[in-house]
């Protein structure tokens, strides 16, 4: 009995998938290219930090650290509900890598989702449970995101600042926010039904459907769990908005929390819908334009946005890359064929 259990557990640990290695390598390359192309901006961050008030800057750092805990808390809730809890410290490490991947390869958050399942399986979480964690967190993420997008548009309307372009962006985003979780749930409902012959020959598509079909229905139908994970994701957006507010105050700008919130959500929507790695340029331009629309001077809006990007993008860049590289090394180590004695087999 023990031997059978051990065999099943080991079979559930992911083998070295070639396409995953290529994908993670692409994420790292995209981040490096973005950093090189915007090295001048990174140098300017040092001058911004020197100008910032230490107390407000320290508060912004603490708030940003809380976002990783919130991400991990959502996964922890799913794993506990599935009866397979994992150490919070390990989940926080995965959160750093996932948020890095989400920004490095803009694909409405899908890049980080691929990494999430892979990393949870490396913690010996069964594939079905890992996919359930992905689906539940995805639903919670987009539920919170869509709610905050609608609230942002309402606040703009109350300030008489809503424009047709903004309304169009929010509408497009809401379609994306609805379609991605709906597609995931449709795939889960479809299960392992036969695919069209052409799709059946594509290994990645077949593997995706097989994995999604293994997600336990009980977890996806747990309303209390969905609400809990949605709340965790809502805290992330609120923390990012609070970070922008603290960055602006650190630079001596007196702005309202709702101004920072509107700018953060609008910039995030543009990045989500855009194809630019790391959201470089698009986030900054949208944030600055929105802050200026709401009465913040352009120079102050630009400086505050750049300081926020230092905390949310450039500082996590290095640990995110290091953690992803270590994950790749562990994957390659597991994929090395070995003989019956445990020695590395010759190829």
Foldseek 3Di string as FASTA:
>chain_A
DVVVVVVVLVVQQDAQDPVVLVLLVQLLVLLVVVCVVVVVLVVVLVVLVVLFAVVLLVVLLVLLLVLLLLLLVLLQLLCVVVVHGDDSVLSSLLSLLQLSSCQQFQDLSVRSLVSQLNSVSNVSDGLQSSLLSSLLLLLLQLVLLLVLLVVLQVVCVVVVNDDPVSVVLSVVLNVVSVPVSVVLVVLLVVAQPDDPPVQVPDPVSNVVSNSSVSHDPVSVPPPVSSVSSSVSNNSSLLSLLSSLVSLLVRNVDDDDSSLSSSLSSSLVSQSNPDRRRSSPPSSLVSSLVSSVSVPDDSVSSNSSSSNSCVSSHVVSNVSNSVSSVVSSVVSVVSNQDADPVRHGDDD
